[in-house]
Amino acid sequence: AAGRMLVGVLGVVAEFEREIIRERVTAGMARARAQGRRIGCPSVVADWQTAARWRKIRLDPMEGRISQWEAARRLKVGRATVARLLGAEKSRSYAR
């Protein structure tokens, strides 16, 4: 019985410590955002640069219709970036 109680107490202490760490991280991220710092991985290339190159490829009559994978390979970005650009272009065209 004493062993189970000790394990339970240690578990509660570990959970408490983890919650304190979480609060500190959240406060640090909020402070960084308030100072204008970007949280997360740095962007490889600005979206507007990639979008301009994507439009050039897409509007080129010699290119025809290429897949997102092929566009990503040519632009040297991830397929998700190309998909995000396509989604942004579609939402812009619907807004008009």
PDB file of N, CA and C in Angstrom:
ATOM      1  N   ALA A   1       0.832  -1.198   0.000  1.00  0.00           N
ATOM      2  CA  ALA A   1       0.000   0.000   0.000  1.00  0.00           C
ATOM      3  C   ALA A   1       0.877   1.262   0.000  1.00  0.00           C
ATOM      4  N   ALA A   2       1.960   1.237   0.773  1.00  0.00           N
ATOM      5  CA  ALA A   2       2.833   2.409   0.842  1.00  0.00           C
ATOM      6  C   ALA A   2       3.520   2.647  -0.501  1.00  0.00           C
ATOM      7  N   GLY A   3       3.860   1.586  -1.193  1.00  0.00           N
ATOM      8  CA  GLY A   3       4.506   1.717  -2.506  1.00  0.00           C
ATOM      9  C   GLY A   3       3.579   2.355  -3.522  1.00  0.00           C
ATOM     10  N   ARG A   4       2.309   1.914  -3.517  1.00  0.00           N
ATOM     11  CA  ARG A   4       1.330   2.503  -4.436  1.00  0.00           C
ATOM     12  C   ARG A   4       1.109   3.978  -4.122  1.00  0.00           C
ATOM     13  N   MET A   5       1.077   4.311  -2.826  1.00  0.00           N
ATOM     14  CA  MET A   5       0.902   5.708  -2.445  1.00  0.00           C
ATOM     15  C   MET A   5       2.089   6.544  -2.924  1.00  0.00           C
ATOM     16  N   LEU A   6       3.297   6.023  -2.779  1.00  0.00           N
ATOM     17  CA  LEU A   6       4.493   6.746  -3.202  1.00  0.00           C
ATOM     18  C   LEU A   6       4.497   6.973  -4.712  1.00  0.00           C
ATOM     19  N   VAL A   7       4.122   5.947  -5.467  1.00  0.00           N
ATOM     20  CA  VAL A   7       4.055   6.083  -6.925  1.00  0.00           C
ATOM     21  C   VAL A   7       3.006   7.120  -7.310  1.00  0.00           C
ATOM     22  N   GLY A   8       1.873   7.118  -6.624  1.00  0.00           N
ATOM     23  CA  GLY A   8       0.823   8.094  -6.889  1.00  0.00           C
ATOM     24  C   GLY A   8       1.277   9.515  -6.613  1.00  0.00           C
ATOM     25  N   VAL A   9       1.979   9.707  -5.489  1.00  0.00           N
ATOM     26  CA  VAL A   9       2.477  11.038  -5.130  1.00  0.00           C
ATOM     27  C   VAL A   9       3.512  11.504  -6.142  1.00  0.00           C
ATOM     28  N   LEU A  10       4.406  10.618  -6.553  1.00  0.00           N
ATOM     29  CA  LEU A  10       5.416  10.981  -7.542  1.00  0.00           C
ATOM     30  C   LEU A  10       4.762  11.324  -8.884  1.00  0.00           C
ATOM     31  N   GLY A  11       3.706  10.623  -9.242  1.00  0.00           N
ATOM     32  CA  GLY A  11       2.997  10.928 -10.476  1.00  0.00           C
ATOM     33  C   GLY A  11       2.358  12.307 -10.439  1.00  0.00           C
ATOM     34  N   VAL A  12       1.776  12.655  -9.304  1.00  0.00           N
ATOM     35  CA  VAL A  12       1.159  13.976  -9.156  1.00  0.00           C
ATOM     36  C   VAL A  12       2.216  15.065  -9.221  1.00  0.00           C
ATOM     37  N   VAL A  13       3.367  14.848  -8.597  1.00  0.00           N
ATOM     38  CA  VAL A  13       4.454  15.834  -8.633  1.00  0.00           C
ATOM     39  C   VAL A  13       4.968  16.000 -10.064  1.00  0.00           C
ATOM     40  N   ALA A  14       5.121  14.913 -10.805  1.00  0.00           N
ATOM     41  CA  ALA A  14       5.583  14.989 -12.193  1.00  0.00           C
ATOM     42  C   ALA A  14       4.570  15.738 -13.050  1.00  0.00           C
ATOM     43  N   GLU A  15       3.290  15.483 -12.842  1.00  0.00           N
ATOM     44  CA  GLU A  15       2.243  16.174 -13.595  1.00  0.00           C
ATOM     45  C   GLU A  15       2.260  17.671 -13.283  1.00  0.00           C
ATOM     46  N   PHE A  16       2.443  18.022 -12.025  1.00  0.00           N
ATOM     47  CA  PHE A  16       2.530  19.424 -11.606  1.00  0.00           C
ATOM     48  C   PHE A  16       3.718  20.121 -12.279  1.00  0.00           C
ATOM     49  N   GLU A  17       4.865  19.438 -12.288  1.00  0.00           N
ATOM     50  CA  GLU A  17       6.069  20.003 -12.907  1.00  0.00           C
ATOM     51  C   GLU A  17       5.858  20.216 -14.406  1.00  0.00           C
ATOM     52  N   ARG A  18       5.222  19.264 -15.063  1.00  0.00           N
ATOM     53  CA  ARG A  18       4.962  19.373 -16.498  1.00  0.00           C
ATOM     54  C   ARG A  18       4.041  20.555 -16.787  1.00  0.00           C
ATOM     55  N   GLU A  19       3.042  20.765 -15.950  1.00  0.00           N
ATOM     56  CA  GLU A  19       2.122  21.880 -16.135  1.00  0.00           C
ATOM     57  C   GLU A  19       2.838  23.222 -15.953  1.00  0.00           C
ATOM     58  N   ILE A  20       3.760  23.310 -15.028  1.00  0.00           N
ATOM     59  CA  ILE A  20       4.544  24.537 -14.832  1.00  0.00           C
ATOM     60  C   ILE A  20       5.387  24.822 -16.075  1.00  0.00           C
ATOM     61  N   ILE A  21       6.015  23.790 -16.629  1.00  0.00           N
ATOM     62  CA  ILE A  21       6.821  23.955 -17.840  1.00  0.00           C
ATOM     63  C   ILE A  21       5.939  24.459 -18.982  1.00  0.00           C
ATOM     64  N   ARG A  22       4.753  23.879 -19.126  1.00  0.00           N
ATOM     65  CA  ARG A  22       3.828  24.283 -20.189  1.00  0.00           C
ATOM     66  C   ARG A  22       3.445  25.763 -20.047  1.00  0.00           C
ATOM     67  N   GLU A  23       3.164  26.196 -18.819  1.00  0.00           N
ATOM     68  CA  GLU A  23       2.808  27.599 -18.593  1.00  0.00           C
ATOM     69  C   GLU A  23       3.963  28.526 -18.957  1.00  0.00           C
ATOM     70  N   ARG A  24       5.183  28.140 -18.609  1.00  0.00           N
ATOM     71  CA  ARG A  24       6.351  28.963 -18.940  1.00  0.00           C
ATOM     72  C   ARG A  24       6.559  29.060 -20.446  1.00  0.00           C
ATOM     73  N   VAL A  25       6.405  27.959 -21.141  1.00  0.00           N
ATOM     74  CA  VAL A  25       6.578  27.960 -22.596  1.00  0.00           C
ATOM     75  C   VAL A  25       5.514  28.840 -23.248  1.00  0.00           C
ATOM     76  N   THR A  26       4.280  28.717 -22.803  1.00  0.00           N
ATOM     77  CA  THR A  26       3.194  29.526 -23.356  1.00  0.00           C
ATOM     78  C   THR A  26       3.443  31.009 -23.111  1.00  0.00           C
ATOM     79  N   ALA A  27       3.894  31.346 -21.909  1.00  0.00           N
ATOM     80  CA  ALA A  27       4.188  32.749 -21.595  1.00  0.00           C
ATOM     81  C   ALA A  27       5.349  33.263 -22.446  1.00  0.00           C
ATOM     82  N   GLY A  28       6.369  32.438 -22.641  1.00  0.00           N
ATOM     83  CA  GLY A  28       7.508  32.833 -23.474  1.00  0.00           C
ATOM     84  C   GLY A  28       7.117  33.057 -24.915  1.00  0.00           C
ATOM     85  N   MET A  29       6.240  32.198 -25.438  1.00  0.00           N
ATOM     86  CA  MET A  29       5.777  32.366 -26.820  1.00  0.00           C
ATOM     87  C   MET A  29       4.934  33.627 -26.962  1.00  0.00           C
ATOM     88  N   ALA A  30       4.108  33.913 -25.976  1.00  0.00           N
ATOM     89  CA  ALA A  30       3.292  35.132 -26.017  1.00  0.00           C
ATOM     90  C   ALA A  30       4.186  36.369 -25.970  1.00  0.00           C
ATOM     91  N   ARG A  31       5.225  36.316 -25.148  1.00  0.00           N
ATOM     92  CA  ARG A  31       6.163  37.435 -25.057  1.00  0.00           C
ATOM     93  C   ARG A  31       6.897  37.624 -26.385  1.00  0.00           C
ATOM     94  N   ALA A  32       7.306  36.533 -27.004  1.00  0.00           N
ATOM     95  CA  ALA A  32       8.008  36.616 -28.290  1.00  0.00           C
ATOM     96  C   ALA A  32       7.097  37.197 -29.363  1.00  0.00           C
ATOM     97  N   ARG A  33       5.834  36.773 -29.398  1.00  0.00           N
ATOM     98  CA  ARG A  33       4.887  37.317 -30.384  1.00  0.00           C
ATOM     99  C   ARG A  33       4.668  38.806 -30.157  1.00  0.00           C
ATOM    100  N   ALA A  34       4.586  39.211 -28.875  1.00  0.00           N
ATOM    101  CA  ALA A  34       4.393  40.629 -28.560  1.00  0.00           C
ATOM    102  C   ALA A  34       5.574  41.467 -29.029  1.00  0.00           C
ATOM    103  N   GLN A  35       6.758  40.868 -29.061  1.00  0.00           N
ATOM    104  CA  GLN A  35       7.952  41.570 -29.521  1.00  0.00           C
ATOM    105  C   GLN A  35       8.112  41.487 -31.036  1.00  0.00           C
ATOM    106  N   GLY A  36       7.170  40.814 -31.708  1.00  0.00           N
ATOM    107  CA  GLY A  36       7.196  40.743 -33.164  1.00  0.00           C
ATOM    108  C   GLY A  36       8.008  39.596 -33.725  1.00  0.00           C
ATOM    109  N   ARG A  37       8.404  38.680 -32.893  1.00  0.00           N
ATOM    110  CA  ARG A  37       9.166  37.521 -33.383  1.00  0.00           C
ATOM    111  C   ARG A  37       8.212  36.478 -33.940  1.00  0.00           C
ATOM    112  N   ARG A  38       8.688  35.764 -34.948  1.00  0.00           N
ATOM    113  CA  ARG A  38       7.890  34.715 -35.564  1.00  0.00           C
ATOM    114  C   ARG A  38       8.157  33.407 -34.825  1.00  0.00           C
ATOM    115  N   ILE A  39       7.109  32.670 -34.535  1.00  0.00           N
ATOM    116  CA  ILE A  39       7.224  31.389 -33.850  1.00  0.00           C
ATOM    117  C   ILE A  39       7.206  30.288 -34.903  1.00  0.00           C
ATOM    118  N   GLY A  40       8.085  29.320 -34.795  1.00  0.00           N
ATOM    119  CA  GLY A  40       8.089  28.184 -35.710  1.00  0.00           C
ATOM    120  C   GLY A  40       9.293  28.203 -36.633  1.00  0.00           C
ATOM    121  N   CYS A  41       9.268  27.289 -37.565  1.00  0.00           N
ATOM    122  CA  CYS A  41      10.372  27.167 -38.521  1.00  0.00           C
ATOM    123  C   CYS A  41      10.382  28.356 -39.474  1.00  0.00           C
ATOM    124  N   PRO A  42      11.566  28.811 -39.859  1.00  0.00           N
ATOM    125  CA  PRO A  42      11.620  29.907 -40.824  1.00  0.00           C
ATOM    126  C   PRO A  42      11.149  29.433 -42.202  1.00  0.00           C
ATOM    127  N   SER A  43      10.534  30.331 -42.937  1.00  0.00           N
ATOM    128  CA  SER A  43      10.056  30.010 -44.270  1.00  0.00           C
ATOM    129  C   SER A  43      11.244  29.898 -45.222  1.00  0.00           C
ATOM    130  N   VAL A  44      11.213  28.894 -46.078  1.00  0.00           N
ATOM    131  CA  VAL A  44      12.305  28.683 -47.022  1.00  0.00           C
ATOM    132  C   VAL A  44      12.332  29.805 -48.050  1.00  0.00           C
ATOM    133  N   VAL A  45      11.164  30.171 -48.530  1.00  0.00           N
ATOM    134  CA  VAL A  45      11.047  31.217 -49.536  1.00  0.00           C
ATOM    135  C   VAL A  45       9.732  31.938 -49.268  1.00  0.00           C
ATOM    136  N   ALA A  46       9.703  33.209 -49.549  1.00  0.00           N
ATOM    137  CA  ALA A  46       8.471  33.977 -49.344  1.00  0.00           C
ATOM    138  C   ALA A  46       7.390  33.463 -50.284  1.00  0.00           C
ATOM    139  N   ASP A  47       6.167  33.374 -49.794  1.00  0.00           N
ATOM    140  CA  ASP A  47       5.066  32.855 -50.606  1.00  0.00           C
ATOM    141  C   ASP A  47       4.841  33.684 -51.865  1.00  0.00           C
ATOM    142  N   TRP A  48       5.024  34.990 -51.769  1.00  0.00           N
ATOM    143  CA  TRP A  48       4.783  35.820 -52.956  1.00  0.00           C
ATOM    144  C   TRP A  48       5.806  35.516 -54.043  1.00  0.00           C
ATOM    145  N   GLN A  49       7.058  35.173 -53.662  1.00  0.00           N
ATOM    146  CA  GLN A  49       8.064  34.820 -54.671  1.00  0.00           C
ATOM    147  C   GLN A  49       7.687  33.509 -55.346  1.00  0.00           C
ATOM    148  N   THR A  50       7.282  32.539 -54.537  1.00  0.00           N
ATOM    149  CA  THR A  50       6.889  31.249 -55.080  1.00  0.00           C
ATOM    150  C   THR A  50       5.641  31.407 -55.937  1.00  0.00           C
ATOM    151  N   ALA A  51       4.698  32.231 -55.493  1.00  0.00           N
ATOM    152  CA  ALA A  51       3.465  32.434 -56.254  1.00  0.00           C
ATOM    153  C   ALA A  51       3.764  33.053 -57.616  1.00  0.00           C
ATOM    154  N   ALA A  52       4.677  34.008 -57.658  1.00  0.00           N
ATOM    155  CA  ALA A  52       5.034  34.630 -58.939  1.00  0.00           C
ATOM    156  C   ALA A  52       5.646  33.601 -59.885  1.00  0.00           C
ATOM    157  N   ARG A  53       6.537  32.764 -59.364  1.00  0.00           N
ATOM    158  CA  ARG A  53       7.148  31.736 -60.222  1.00  0.00           C
ATOM    159  C   ARG A  53       6.097  30.710 -60.650  1.00  0.00           C
ATOM    160  N   TRP A  54       5.160  30.382 -59.747  1.00  0.00           N
ATOM    161  CA  TRP A  54       4.113  29.420 -60.066  1.00  0.00           C
ATOM    162  C   TRP A  54       3.234  29.958 -61.191  1.00  0.00           C
ATOM    163  N   ARG A  55       2.859  31.241 -61.117  1.00  0.00           N
ATOM    164  CA  ARG A  55       2.033  31.837 -62.165  1.00  0.00           C
ATOM    165  C   ARG A  55       2.760  31.820 -63.505  1.00  0.00           C
ATOM    166  N   LYS A  56       4.064  32.082 -63.473  1.00  0.00           N
ATOM    167  CA  LYS A  56       4.848  32.086 -64.709  1.00  0.00           C
ATOM    168  C   LYS A  56       4.826  30.699 -65.357  1.00  0.00           C
ATOM    169  N   ILE A  57       4.995  29.662 -64.542  1.00  0.00           N
ATOM    170  CA  ILE A  57       4.954  28.291 -65.064  1.00  0.00           C
ATOM    171  C   ILE A  57       3.550  27.975 -65.574  1.00  0.00           C
ATOM    172  N   ARG A  58       2.547  28.362 -64.807  1.00  0.00           N
ATOM    173  CA  ARG A  58       1.170  28.020 -65.151  1.00  0.00           C
ATOM    174  C   ARG A  58       0.673  28.738 -66.395  1.00  0.00           C
ATOM    175  N   LEU A  59       1.104  29.955 -66.590  1.00  0.00           N
ATOM    176  CA  LEU A  59       0.633  30.744 -67.730  1.00  0.00           C
ATOM    177  C   LEU A  59       1.447  30.501 -69.004  1.00  0.00           C
ATOM    178  N   ASP A  60       2.551  29.778 -68.885  1.00  0.00           N
ATOM    179  CA  ASP A  60       3.382  29.499 -70.051  1.00  0.00           C
ATOM    180  C   ASP A  60       2.655  28.487 -70.950  1.00  0.00           C
ATOM    181  N   PRO A  61       2.325  28.863 -72.195  1.00  0.00           N
ATOM    182  CA  PRO A  61       1.575  27.948 -73.074  1.00  0.00           C
ATOM    183  C   PRO A  61       2.364  26.686 -73.428  1.00  0.00           C
ATOM    184  N   MET A  62       3.678  26.753 -73.347  1.00  0.00           N
ATOM    185  CA  MET A  62       4.498  25.589 -73.694  1.00  0.00           C
ATOM    186  C   MET A  62       4.478  24.533 -72.580  1.00  0.00           C
ATOM    187  N   GLU A  63       4.156  24.964 -71.374  1.00  0.00           N
ATOM    188  CA  GLU A  63       4.183  24.042 -70.238  1.00  0.00           C
ATOM    189  C   GLU A  63       2.981  23.099 -70.226  1.00  0.00           C
ATOM    190  N   GLY A  64       1.833  23.601 -70.642  1.00  0.00           N
ATOM    191  CA  GLY A  64       0.636  22.779 -70.548  1.00  0.00           C
ATOM    192  C   GLY A  64       0.208  22.643 -69.101  1.00  0.00           C
ATOM    193  N   ARG A  65      -0.499  21.576 -68.787  1.00  0.00           N
ATOM    194  CA  ARG A  65      -0.973  21.364 -67.425  1.00  0.00           C
ATOM    195  C   ARG A  65      -0.006  20.421 -66.716  1.00  0.00           C
ATOM    196  N   ILE A  66       0.603  20.888 -65.628  1.00  0.00           N
ATOM    197  CA  ILE A  66       1.543  20.046 -64.886  1.00  0.00           C
ATOM    198  C   ILE A  66       0.955  19.742 -63.518  1.00  0.00           C
ATOM    199  N   SER A  67       1.419  18.656 -62.932  1.00  0.00           N
ATOM    200  CA  SER A  67       0.905  18.245 -61.632  1.00  0.00           C
ATOM    201  C   SER A  67       1.509  19.114 -60.526  1.00  0.00           C
ATOM    202  N   GLN A  68       0.884  19.045 -59.350  1.00  0.00           N
ATOM    203  CA  GLN A  68       1.415  19.772 -58.199  1.00  0.00           C
ATOM    204  C   GLN A  68       2.804  19.253 -57.847  1.00  0.00           C
ATOM    205  N   TRP A  69       2.996  17.942 -57.973  1.00  0.00           N
ATOM    206  CA  TRP A  69       4.309  17.358 -57.660  1.00  0.00           C
ATOM    207  C   TRP A  69       5.379  17.910 -58.595  1.00  0.00           C
ATOM    208  N   GLU A  70       5.052  17.972 -59.868  1.00  0.00           N
ATOM    209  CA  GLU A  70       6.018  18.482 -60.841  1.00  0.00           C
ATOM    210  C   GLU A  70       6.290  19.964 -60.607  1.00  0.00           C
ATOM    211  N   ALA A  71       5.245  20.727 -60.310  1.00  0.00           N
ATOM    212  CA  ALA A  71       5.427  22.160 -60.013  1.00  0.00           C
ATOM    213  C   ALA A  71       6.311  22.331 -58.777  1.00  0.00           C
ATOM    214  N   ALA A  72       6.085  21.522 -57.754  1.00  0.00           N
ATOM    215  CA  ALA A  72       6.889  21.603 -56.529  1.00  0.00           C
ATOM    216  C   ALA A  72       8.353  21.285 -56.830  1.00  0.00           C
ATOM    217  N   ARG A  73       8.578  20.282 -57.674  1.00  0.00           N
ATOM    218  CA  ARG A  73       9.958  19.918 -58.029  1.00  0.00           C
ATOM    219  C   ARG A  73      10.636  21.066 -58.759  1.00  0.00           C
ATOM    220  N   ARG A  74       9.927  21.682 -59.707  1.00  0.00           N
ATOM    221  CA  ARG A  74      10.526  22.779 -60.478  1.00  0.00           C
ATOM    222  C   ARG A  74      10.761  24.028 -59.634  1.00  0.00           C
ATOM    223  N   LEU A  75       9.859  24.283 -58.700  1.00  0.00           N
ATOM    224  CA  LEU A  75       9.990  25.471 -57.857  1.00  0.00           C
ATOM    225  C   LEU A  75      10.918  25.235 -56.665  1.00  0.00           C
ATOM    226  N   LYS A  76      11.288  23.954 -56.457  1.00  0.00           N
ATOM    227  CA  LYS A  76      12.147  23.569 -55.335  1.00  0.00           C
ATOM    228  C   LYS A  76      11.503  23.908 -53.986  1.00  0.00           C
ATOM    229  N   VAL A  77      10.210  23.582 -53.892  1.00  0.00           N
ATOM    230  CA  VAL A  77       9.467  23.732 -52.645  1.00  0.00           C
ATOM    231  C   VAL A  77       8.679  22.451 -52.422  1.00  0.00           C
ATOM    232  N   GLY A  78       8.023  22.352 -51.291  1.00  0.00           N
ATOM    233  CA  GLY A  78       7.192  21.192 -51.005  1.00  0.00           C
ATOM    234  C   GLY A  78       5.870  21.245 -51.745  1.00  0.00           C
ATOM    235  N   ARG A  79       5.257  20.078 -51.929  1.00  0.00           N
ATOM    236  CA  ARG A  79       3.980  20.017 -52.612  1.00  0.00           C
ATOM    237  C   ARG A  79       2.915  20.776 -51.832  1.00  0.00           C
ATOM    238  N   ALA A  80       3.016  20.778 -50.507  1.00  0.00           N
ATOM    239  CA  ALA A  80       2.041  21.491 -49.683  1.00  0.00           C
ATOM    240  C   ALA A  80       2.086  22.994 -49.969  1.00  0.00           C
ATOM    241  N   THR A  81       3.270  23.520 -50.268  1.00  0.00           N
ATOM    242  CA  THR A  81       3.389  24.945 -50.593  1.00  0.00           C
ATOM    243  C   THR A  81       2.641  25.249 -51.880  1.00  0.00           C
ATOM    244  N   VAL A  82       2.799  24.384 -52.875  1.00  0.00           N
ATOM    245  CA  VAL A  82       2.090  24.580 -54.150  1.00  0.00           C
ATOM    246  C   VAL A  82       0.583  24.480 -53.917  1.00  0.00           C
ATOM    247  N   ALA A  83       0.158  23.514 -53.107  1.00  0.00           N
ATOM    248  CA  ALA A  83      -1.268  23.360 -52.819  1.00  0.00           C
ATOM    249  C   ALA A  83      -1.807  24.596 -52.106  1.00  0.00           C
ATOM    250  N   ARG A  84      -1.041  25.148 -51.185  1.00  0.00           N
ATOM    251  CA  ARG A  84      -1.461  26.353 -50.464  1.00  0.00           C
ATOM    252  C   ARG A  84      -1.599  27.521 -51.436  1.00  0.00           C
ATOM    253  N   LEU A  85      -0.664  27.644 -52.378  1.00  0.00           N
ATOM    254  CA  LEU A  85      -0.738  28.709 -53.374  1.00  0.00           C
ATOM    255  C   LEU A  85      -1.952  28.530 -54.277  1.00  0.00           C
ATOM    256  N   LEU A  86      -2.229  27.300 -54.672  1.00  0.00           N
ATOM    257  CA  LEU A  86      -3.409  27.037 -55.500  1.00  0.00           C
ATOM    258  C   LEU A  86      -4.673  27.401 -54.750  1.00  0.00           C
ATOM    259  N   GLY A  87      -4.740  27.047 -53.461  1.00  0.00           N
ATOM    260  CA  GLY A  87      -5.901  27.382 -52.649  1.00  0.00           C
ATOM    261  C   GLY A  87      -6.076  28.879 -52.526  1.00  0.00           C
ATOM    262  N   ALA A  88      -4.977  29.602 -52.371  1.00  0.00           N
ATOM    263  CA  ALA A  88      -5.049  31.061 -52.267  1.00  0.00           C
ATOM    264  C   ALA A  88      -5.523  31.665 -53.578  1.00  0.00           C
ATOM    265  N   GLU A  89      -5.044  31.120 -54.696  1.00  0.00           N
ATOM    266  CA  GLU A  89      -5.469  31.644 -56.001  1.00  0.00           C
ATOM    267  C   GLU A  89      -6.946  31.353 -56.249  1.00  0.00           C
ATOM    268  N   LYS A  90      -7.408  30.165 -55.869  1.00  0.00           N
ATOM    269  CA  LYS A  90      -8.815  29.827 -56.063  1.00  0.00           C
ATOM    270  C   LYS A  90      -9.703  30.743 -55.234  1.00  0.00           C
ATOM    271  N   SER A  91      -9.322  30.989 -53.981  1.00  0.00           N
ATOM    272  CA  SER A  91     -10.149  31.846 -53.133  1.00  0.00           C
ATOM    273  C   SER A  91     -10.152  33.272 -53.665  1.00  0.00           C
ATOM    274  N   ARG A  92      -9.034  33.726 -54.239  1.00  0.00           N
ATOM    275  CA  ARG A  92      -8.987  35.067 -54.834  1.00  0.00           C
ATOM    276  C   ARG A  92      -9.877  35.143 -56.068  1.00  0.00           C
ATOM    277  N   SER A  93      -9.890  34.086 -56.884  1.00  0.00           N
ATOM    278  CA  SER A  93     -10.691  34.129 -58.109  1.00  0.00           C
ATOM    279  C   SER A  93     -12.178  34.070 -57.785  1.00  0.00           C
ATOM    280  N   TYR A  94     -12.568  33.383 -56.700  1.00  0.00           N
ATOM    281  CA  TYR A  94     -13.980  33.328 -56.320  1.00  0.00           C
ATOM    282  C   TYR A  94     -14.442  34.659 -55.754  1.00  0.00           C
ATOM    283  N   ALA A  95     -13.530  35.400 -55.153  1.00  0.00           N
ATOM    284  CA  ALA A  95     -13.886  36.678 -54.530  1.00  0.00           C
ATOM    285  C   ALA A  95     -14.213  37.732 -55.582  1.00  0.00           C
ATOM    286  N   ARG A  96     -13.726  37.551 -56.776  1.00  0.00           N
ATOM    287  CA  ARG A  96     -13.943  38.573 -57.827  1.00  0.00           C
ATOM    288  C   ARG A  96     -15.322  38.564 -58.365  1.00  0.00           C
TER     289      ARG A  96
END
